[in-house]
Amino acid sequence: MHEYTSTARVWGLTCPGFPEEVSRARRWTRDILRGSPLAEDAELIVSELSANAILHTASGQQSGSFHLALAVSSQVVALSVTDDGGTRTAPKAEYADQNATHGRGLGMVSAIAHRVVIHDSQAGHTVTAELFTSARSGGHPC
């Protein structure tokens, strides 16, 4: 293969920060990954990350938005959600008490994905979840 040739495909979608856009993000993900054994996990991850962007950052405020990126290669499906920031802390997985009504989402994403990476900047946060197409040593088998 030529060194500048890539077999990865990348899609992007920007959504206004309204709660009903979470279902649009799920549908978009499902349509792109139709037929993939990772589609349901990816759909759940995008749903959670999109909802977090709307609920916990400036993305959910008037004129806010969030951006999704989906990259697919023969080795990995990578899902990224970037929010508008506006919080003093970066997203992090928390393990809530069993009676808590919030605080499990990013922990759930971390349990489903093989790897989760959080980038924090002044412009916002990007959470990327990676699902490997075949479980690697030490990885979680999807």
N, C-alpha and C. Protein backbone atom coordinates (compact mmCIF):
# COMPACT_ATOMS: atom_id res chain seq x y z
N MET A 1 0.84 -1.17 0.00
CA MET A 1 0.00 0.00 0.00
C MET A 1 0.89 1.24 0.00
N HIS A 2 0.51 2.23 -0.76
CA HIS A 2 1.23 3.49 -0.82
C HIS A 2 1.15 4.19 0.53
N GLU A 3 2.22 4.85 0.94
CA GLU A 3 2.25 5.44 2.27
C GLU A 3 1.23 6.55 2.49
N TYR A 4 0.69 7.15 1.43
CA TYR A 4 -0.30 8.21 1.58
C TYR A 4 -1.72 7.74 1.30
N THR A 5 -1.90 6.46 1.15
CA THR A 5 -3.22 5.90 0.90
C THR A 5 -3.80 5.41 2.22
N SER A 6 -5.03 5.74 2.45
CA SER A 6 -5.68 5.32 3.68
C SER A 6 -6.97 4.60 3.34
N THR A 7 -7.26 3.57 4.11
CA THR A 7 -8.53 2.87 3.91
C THR A 7 -9.56 3.32 4.94
N ALA A 8 -9.18 4.24 5.81
CA ALA A 8 -10.15 4.75 6.80
C ALA A 8 -11.13 5.70 6.13
N ARG A 9 -12.36 5.66 6.58
CA ARG A 9 -13.39 6.59 6.11
C ARG A 9 -13.82 7.42 7.31
N VAL A 10 -14.06 8.71 7.08
CA VAL A 10 -14.40 9.62 8.16
C VAL A 10 -15.64 10.41 7.80
N TRP A 11 -16.57 10.52 8.75
CA TRP A 11 -17.79 11.30 8.60
C TRP A 11 -17.87 12.32 9.72
N GLY A 12 -18.57 13.42 9.49
CA GLY A 12 -18.77 14.42 10.53
C GLY A 12 -20.19 14.96 10.49
N LEU A 13 -20.69 15.37 11.63
CA LEU A 13 -22.04 15.93 11.76
C LEU A 13 -22.04 16.94 12.89
N THR A 14 -22.59 18.12 12.62
CA THR A 14 -22.76 19.13 13.66
C THR A 14 -24.24 19.25 13.96
N CYS A 15 -24.59 19.21 15.24
CA CYS A 15 -25.98 19.25 15.67
C CYS A 15 -26.20 20.43 16.61
N PRO A 16 -27.35 21.10 16.49
CA PRO A 16 -27.69 22.10 17.50
C PRO A 16 -27.85 21.41 18.85
N GLY A 17 -27.66 22.15 19.93
CA GLY A 17 -27.67 21.56 21.27
C GLY A 17 -29.04 21.33 21.86
N PHE A 18 -29.94 20.75 21.11
CA PHE A 18 -31.28 20.43 21.59
C PHE A 18 -31.35 18.95 21.95
N PRO A 19 -32.11 18.59 22.99
CA PRO A 19 -32.20 17.18 23.38
C PRO A 19 -32.65 16.24 22.26
N GLU A 20 -33.53 16.69 21.39
CA GLU A 20 -34.00 15.82 20.30
C GLU A 20 -32.90 15.49 19.28
N GLU A 21 -31.79 16.22 19.33
CA GLU A 21 -30.69 15.94 18.42
C GLU A 21 -29.93 14.67 18.80
N VAL A 22 -30.11 14.20 20.03
CA VAL A 22 -29.46 12.95 20.45
C VAL A 22 -29.98 11.80 19.60
N SER A 23 -31.28 11.77 19.34
CA SER A 23 -31.82 10.69 18.50
C SER A 23 -31.32 10.82 17.06
N ARG A 24 -31.13 12.04 16.59
CA ARG A 24 -30.55 12.24 15.26
C ARG A 24 -29.12 11.70 15.20
N ALA A 25 -28.33 11.95 16.25
CA ALA A 25 -26.96 11.45 16.31
C ALA A 25 -26.94 9.92 16.32
N ARG A 26 -27.86 9.31 17.07
CA ARG A 26 -27.95 7.84 17.09
C ARG A 26 -28.29 7.30 15.71
N ARG A 27 -29.29 7.88 15.08
CA ARG A 27 -29.73 7.42 13.75
C ARG A 27 -28.60 7.56 12.73
N TRP A 28 -27.88 8.68 12.76
CA TRP A 28 -26.76 8.94 11.86
C TRP A 28 -25.69 7.86 12.04
N THR A 29 -25.37 7.55 13.28
CA THR A 29 -24.37 6.52 13.58
C THR A 29 -24.83 5.16 13.09
N ARG A 30 -26.08 4.83 13.38
CA ARG A 30 -26.65 3.55 12.96
C ARG A 30 -26.64 3.41 11.44
N ASP A 31 -26.97 4.48 10.74
CA ASP A 31 -26.99 4.43 9.27
C ASP A 31 -25.59 4.22 8.69
N ILE A 32 -24.60 4.88 9.24
CA ILE A 32 -23.23 4.72 8.74
C ILE A 32 -22.71 3.32 9.03
N LEU A 33 -23.01 2.78 10.20
CA LEU A 33 -22.47 1.48 10.60
C LEU A 33 -23.40 0.31 10.31
N ARG A 34 -24.42 0.54 9.50
CA ARG A 34 -25.38 -0.52 9.17
C ARG A 34 -24.65 -1.80 8.76
N GLY A 35 -25.00 -2.90 9.42
CA GLY A 35 -24.39 -4.20 9.12
C GLY A 35 -23.14 -4.51 9.93
N SER A 36 -22.62 -3.54 10.65
CA SER A 36 -21.43 -3.77 11.46
C SER A 36 -21.84 -4.40 12.80
N PRO A 37 -21.06 -5.36 13.29
CA PRO A 37 -21.36 -5.92 14.61
C PRO A 37 -21.13 -4.91 15.74
N LEU A 38 -20.50 -3.78 15.45
CA LEU A 38 -20.24 -2.76 16.46
C LEU A 38 -21.29 -1.65 16.45
N ALA A 39 -22.27 -1.73 15.56
CA ALA A 39 -23.25 -0.65 15.39
C ALA A 39 -24.02 -0.35 16.67
N GLU A 40 -24.49 -1.35 17.37
CA GLU A 40 -25.29 -1.10 18.58
C GLU A 40 -24.45 -0.46 19.69
N ASP A 41 -23.23 -0.95 19.89
CA ASP A 41 -22.35 -0.34 20.89
C ASP A 41 -22.04 1.10 20.51
N ALA A 42 -21.75 1.33 19.25
CA ALA A 42 -21.43 2.69 18.78
C ALA A 42 -22.62 3.62 18.96
N GLU A 43 -23.80 3.15 18.67
CA GLU A 43 -25.02 3.94 18.82
C GLU A 43 -25.23 4.33 20.29
N LEU A 44 -25.03 3.41 21.19
CA LEU A 44 -25.17 3.68 22.61
C LEU A 44 -24.13 4.70 23.08
N ILE A 45 -22.91 4.55 22.64
CA ILE A 45 -21.84 5.48 23.01
C ILE A 45 -22.14 6.89 22.51
N VAL A 46 -22.52 7.02 21.25
CA VAL A 46 -22.84 8.34 20.68
C VAL A 46 -24.01 8.96 21.42
N SER A 47 -25.00 8.17 21.78
CA SER A 47 -26.15 8.67 22.52
C SER A 47 -25.71 9.26 23.86
N GLU A 48 -24.89 8.54 24.58
CA GLU A 48 -24.45 9.00 25.89
C GLU A 48 -23.56 10.24 25.79
N LEU A 49 -22.61 10.23 24.87
CA LEU A 49 -21.70 11.37 24.74
C LEU A 49 -22.42 12.61 24.25
N SER A 50 -23.38 12.45 23.36
CA SER A 50 -24.17 13.59 22.87
C SER A 50 -25.03 14.18 23.99
N ALA A 51 -25.67 13.31 24.74
CA ALA A 51 -26.50 13.77 25.85
C ALA A 51 -25.65 14.50 26.89
N ASN A 52 -24.46 13.98 27.18
CA ASN A 52 -23.57 14.65 28.13
C ASN A 52 -23.19 16.04 27.64
N ALA A 53 -22.91 16.17 26.34
CA ALA A 53 -22.54 17.48 25.79
C ALA A 53 -23.68 18.48 26.00
N ILE A 54 -24.90 18.04 25.76
CA ILE A 54 -26.05 18.93 25.90
C ILE A 54 -26.34 19.26 27.36
N LEU A 55 -26.24 18.27 28.23
CA LEU A 55 -26.60 18.46 29.64
C LEU A 55 -25.54 19.19 30.47
N HIS A 56 -24.28 18.98 30.15
CA HIS A 56 -23.22 19.42 31.05
C HIS A 56 -22.31 20.51 30.51
N THR A 57 -22.56 21.00 29.30
CA THR A 57 -21.67 22.03 28.73
C THR A 57 -22.49 23.12 28.05
N ALA A 58 -21.79 24.10 27.52
CA ALA A 58 -22.44 25.20 26.80
C ALA A 58 -23.12 24.73 25.52
N SER A 59 -22.89 23.51 25.11
CA SER A 59 -23.56 22.98 23.91
C SER A 59 -25.07 22.99 24.07
N GLY A 60 -25.55 22.83 25.30
CA GLY A 60 -26.98 22.79 25.55
C GLY A 60 -27.61 24.15 25.78
N GLN A 61 -26.82 25.19 25.74
CA GLN A 61 -27.36 26.54 25.92
C GLN A 61 -27.81 27.11 24.57
N GLN A 62 -28.52 28.21 24.63
CA GLN A 62 -29.02 28.83 23.40
C GLN A 62 -27.85 29.05 22.44
N SER A 63 -28.04 28.68 21.21
CA SER A 63 -27.08 28.74 20.10
C SER A 63 -25.90 27.79 20.27
N GLY A 64 -25.98 26.86 21.22
CA GLY A 64 -24.92 25.86 21.40
C GLY A 64 -25.05 24.73 20.39
N SER A 65 -23.99 23.97 20.25
CA SER A 65 -24.00 22.83 19.33
C SER A 65 -22.97 21.81 19.80
N PHE A 66 -23.00 20.66 19.19
CA PHE A 66 -21.97 19.65 19.42
C PHE A 66 -21.64 19.01 18.09
N HIS A 67 -20.42 18.51 17.97
CA HIS A 67 -19.96 17.95 16.70
C HIS A 67 -19.59 16.48 16.90
N LEU A 68 -20.03 15.66 15.97
CA LEU A 68 -19.68 14.24 15.99
C LEU A 68 -18.73 13.94 14.86
N ALA A 69 -17.79 13.07 15.11
CA ALA A 69 -16.91 12.54 14.07
C ALA A 69 -16.90 11.02 14.23
N LEU A 70 -16.97 10.34 13.11
CA LEU A 70 -16.98 8.88 13.10
C LEU A 70 -15.95 8.43 12.08
N ALA A 71 -14.96 7.70 12.53
CA ALA A 71 -13.91 7.17 11.66
C ALA A 71 -13.98 5.65 11.69
N VAL A 72 -13.94 5.05 10.51
CA VAL A 72 -14.04 3.60 10.40
C VAL A 72 -12.87 3.09 9.57
N SER A 73 -12.14 2.14 10.13
CA SER A 73 -11.09 1.45 9.38
C SER A 73 -11.28 -0.05 9.59
N SER A 74 -10.40 -0.82 9.03
CA SER A 74 -10.53 -2.26 9.22
C SER A 74 -10.17 -2.69 10.63
N GLN A 75 -9.49 -1.83 11.41
CA GLN A 75 -9.09 -2.17 12.76
C GLN A 75 -9.95 -1.55 13.86
N VAL A 76 -10.56 -0.39 13.59
CA VAL A 76 -11.22 0.35 14.67
C VAL A 76 -12.37 1.21 14.15
N VAL A 77 -13.35 1.39 15.02
CA VAL A 77 -14.40 2.39 14.83
C VAL A 77 -14.15 3.41 15.94
N ALA A 78 -13.88 4.66 15.55
CA ALA A 78 -13.62 5.72 16.53
C ALA A 78 -14.74 6.74 16.47
N LEU A 79 -15.34 7.02 17.62
CA LEU A 79 -16.46 7.96 17.73
C LEU A 79 -16.02 9.12 18.61
N SER A 80 -16.15 10.33 18.11
CA SER A 80 -15.77 11.51 18.89
C SER A 80 -16.93 12.48 18.97
N VAL A 81 -17.13 13.04 20.14
CA VAL A 81 -18.11 14.10 20.34
C VAL A 81 -17.38 15.27 20.95
N THR A 82 -17.49 16.43 20.29
CA THR A 82 -16.87 17.65 20.77
C THR A 82 -17.96 18.62 21.20
N ASP A 83 -17.83 19.14 22.41
CA ASP A 83 -18.82 20.07 22.94
C ASP A 83 -18.30 21.51 22.87
N ASP A 84 -19.12 22.45 23.30
CA ASP A 84 -18.76 23.87 23.27
C ASP A 84 -18.05 24.34 24.53
N GLY A 85 -17.71 23.43 25.42
CA GLY A 85 -17.01 23.81 26.65
C GLY A 85 -17.92 24.55 27.62
N GLY A 86 -17.37 25.53 28.29
CA GLY A 86 -18.15 26.30 29.24
C GLY A 86 -18.18 25.72 30.63
N THR A 87 -17.38 24.70 30.87
CA THR A 87 -17.28 24.13 32.22
C THR A 87 -15.83 24.24 32.67
N ARG A 88 -15.63 24.20 33.95
CA ARG A 88 -14.28 24.34 34.49
C ARG A 88 -13.53 23.02 34.55
N THR A 89 -14.25 21.93 34.43
CA THR A 89 -13.61 20.63 34.52
C THR A 89 -13.89 19.81 33.27
N ALA A 90 -12.96 18.95 32.93
CA ALA A 90 -13.13 18.05 31.80
C ALA A 90 -14.01 16.87 32.21
N PRO A 91 -14.67 16.26 31.24
CA PRO A 91 -15.46 15.07 31.56
C PRO A 91 -14.56 13.98 32.15
N LYS A 92 -15.12 13.19 33.06
CA LYS A 92 -14.37 12.06 33.62
C LYS A 92 -15.36 10.99 34.04
N ALA A 93 -14.90 9.77 33.98
CA ALA A 93 -15.75 8.65 34.40
C ALA A 93 -15.85 8.66 35.91
N GLU A 94 -17.07 8.59 36.39
CA GLU A 94 -17.32 8.51 37.82
C GLU A 94 -18.12 7.25 38.08
N TYR A 95 -17.94 6.72 39.24
CA TYR A 95 -18.67 5.51 39.59
C TYR A 95 -19.63 5.87 40.71
N ALA A 96 -20.86 6.13 40.30
CA ALA A 96 -21.89 6.64 41.21
C ALA A 96 -22.42 5.55 42.13
N ASP A 97 -22.94 6.00 43.25
CA ASP A 97 -23.63 5.14 44.18
C ASP A 97 -24.80 4.47 43.46
N GLN A 98 -25.17 3.29 43.84
CA GLN A 98 -26.23 2.56 43.13
C GLN A 98 -27.57 3.26 43.16
N ASN A 99 -27.81 4.16 44.10
CA ASN A 99 -29.07 4.90 44.17
C ASN A 99 -29.02 6.24 43.45
N ALA A 100 -27.86 6.62 42.94
CA ALA A 100 -27.73 7.90 42.24
C ALA A 100 -28.49 7.86 40.92
N THR A 101 -29.05 8.99 40.54
CA THR A 101 -29.80 9.06 39.27
C THR A 101 -28.94 9.58 38.13
N HIS A 102 -27.74 10.04 38.41
CA HIS A 102 -26.81 10.54 37.38
C HIS A 102 -25.41 10.04 37.69
N GLY A 103 -24.51 10.19 36.71
CA GLY A 103 -23.10 9.92 36.97
C GLY A 103 -22.58 8.59 36.49
N ARG A 104 -23.37 7.86 35.73
CA ARG A 104 -22.92 6.54 35.26
C ARG A 104 -22.52 6.52 33.80
N GLY A 105 -22.87 7.54 33.06
CA GLY A 105 -22.73 7.52 31.60
C GLY A 105 -21.34 7.30 31.07
N LEU A 106 -20.38 8.12 31.51
CA LEU A 106 -19.03 7.97 31.00
C LEU A 106 -18.39 6.68 31.50
N GLY A 107 -18.77 6.22 32.68
CA GLY A 107 -18.31 4.93 33.16
C GLY A 107 -18.82 3.80 32.28
N MET A 108 -20.08 3.93 31.83
CA MET A 108 -20.65 2.93 30.93
C MET A 108 -19.92 2.95 29.59
N VAL A 109 -19.65 4.14 29.07
CA VAL A 109 -18.91 4.26 27.81
C VAL A 109 -17.54 3.60 27.97
N SER A 110 -16.88 3.84 29.08
CA SER A 110 -15.56 3.23 29.33
C SER A 110 -15.63 1.71 29.41
N ALA A 111 -16.74 1.19 29.90
CA ALA A 111 -16.91 -0.26 29.98
C ALA A 111 -17.17 -0.89 28.62
N ILE A 112 -17.84 -0.17 27.73
CA ILE A 112 -18.18 -0.69 26.40
C ILE A 112 -17.01 -0.55 25.44
N ALA A 113 -16.37 0.62 25.45
CA ALA A 113 -15.29 0.90 24.50
C ALA A 113 -14.00 0.22 24.92
N HIS A 114 -13.15 -0.02 23.94
CA HIS A 114 -11.83 -0.57 24.25
C HIS A 114 -10.90 0.50 24.79
N ARG A 115 -11.15 1.74 24.35
CA ARG A 115 -10.32 2.86 24.83
C ARG A 115 -11.15 4.13 24.76
N VAL A 116 -11.01 4.99 25.78
CA VAL A 116 -11.67 6.29 25.80
C VAL A 116 -10.59 7.34 26.07
N VAL A 117 -10.57 8.38 25.23
CA VAL A 117 -9.59 9.46 25.36
C VAL A 117 -10.36 10.77 25.48
N ILE A 118 -9.98 11.59 26.46
CA ILE A 118 -10.64 12.88 26.66
C ILE A 118 -9.62 13.99 26.44
N HIS A 119 -9.94 14.88 25.50
CA HIS A 119 -9.10 16.05 25.23
C HIS A 119 -9.84 17.28 25.73
N ASP A 120 -9.14 18.11 26.45
CA ASP A 120 -9.72 19.32 27.02
C ASP A 120 -9.00 20.52 26.43
N SER A 121 -9.75 21.52 25.98
CA SER A 121 -9.16 22.76 25.50
C SER A 121 -10.06 23.91 25.90
N GLN A 122 -9.61 25.12 25.66
CA GLN A 122 -10.43 26.28 26.00
C GLN A 122 -11.70 26.33 25.15
N ALA A 123 -11.66 25.74 23.97
CA ALA A 123 -12.81 25.76 23.06
C ALA A 123 -13.84 24.69 23.39
N GLY A 124 -13.49 23.71 24.19
CA GLY A 124 -14.41 22.64 24.52
C GLY A 124 -13.69 21.34 24.83
N HIS A 125 -14.47 20.28 24.94
CA HIS A 125 -13.94 18.96 25.25
C HIS A 125 -14.27 18.01 24.10
N THR A 126 -13.36 17.12 23.83
CA THR A 126 -13.63 16.06 22.86
C THR A 126 -13.43 14.73 23.56
N VAL A 127 -14.47 13.91 23.53
CA VAL A 127 -14.39 12.57 24.08
C VAL A 127 -14.41 11.60 22.90
N THR A 128 -13.39 10.78 22.81
CA THR A 128 -13.28 9.79 21.73
C THR A 128 -13.32 8.40 22.32
N ALA A 129 -14.21 7.59 21.80
CA ALA A 129 -14.31 6.19 22.21
C ALA A 129 -13.93 5.32 21.02
N GLU A 130 -13.08 4.36 21.26
CA GLU A 130 -12.64 3.46 20.21
C GLU A 130 -13.15 2.05 20.45
N LEU A 131 -13.69 1.46 19.41
CA LEU A 131 -14.13 0.07 19.43
C LEU A 131 -13.26 -0.69 18.43
N PHE A 132 -12.49 -1.64 18.90
CA PHE A 132 -11.64 -2.42 18.01
C PHE A 132 -12.48 -3.47 17.30
N THR A 133 -12.20 -3.67 16.03
CA THR A 133 -13.00 -4.63 15.26
C THR A 133 -12.74 -6.06 15.70
N SER A 134 -11.58 -6.34 16.24
CA SER A 134 -11.32 -7.65 16.85
C SER A 134 -10.65 -7.38 18.18
N ALA A 135 -11.09 -8.08 19.21
CA ALA A 135 -10.56 -7.85 20.56
C ALA A 135 -9.08 -8.12 20.59
N ARG A 136 -8.33 -7.18 21.14
CA ARG A 136 -6.89 -7.34 21.29
C ARG A 136 -6.60 -7.85 22.68
N SER A 137 -5.40 -8.30 22.86
CA SER A 137 -5.00 -8.81 24.17
C SER A 137 -5.23 -7.74 25.24
N GLY A 138 -5.96 -8.12 26.27
CA GLY A 138 -6.25 -7.18 27.34
C GLY A 138 -7.44 -6.29 27.06
N GLY A 139 -7.98 -6.38 25.86
CA GLY A 139 -9.10 -5.53 25.49
C GLY A 139 -10.43 -6.17 25.86
N HIS A 140 -11.44 -5.37 25.79
CA HIS A 140 -12.80 -5.84 26.09
C HIS A 140 -13.42 -6.39 24.81
N PRO A 141 -13.90 -7.61 24.77
CA PRO A 141 -14.50 -8.16 23.56
C PRO A 141 -15.91 -7.62 23.37
N CYS A 142 -16.12 -6.86 22.33
CA CYS A 142 -17.46 -6.28 22.08
C CYS A 142 -18.42 -7.33 21.61
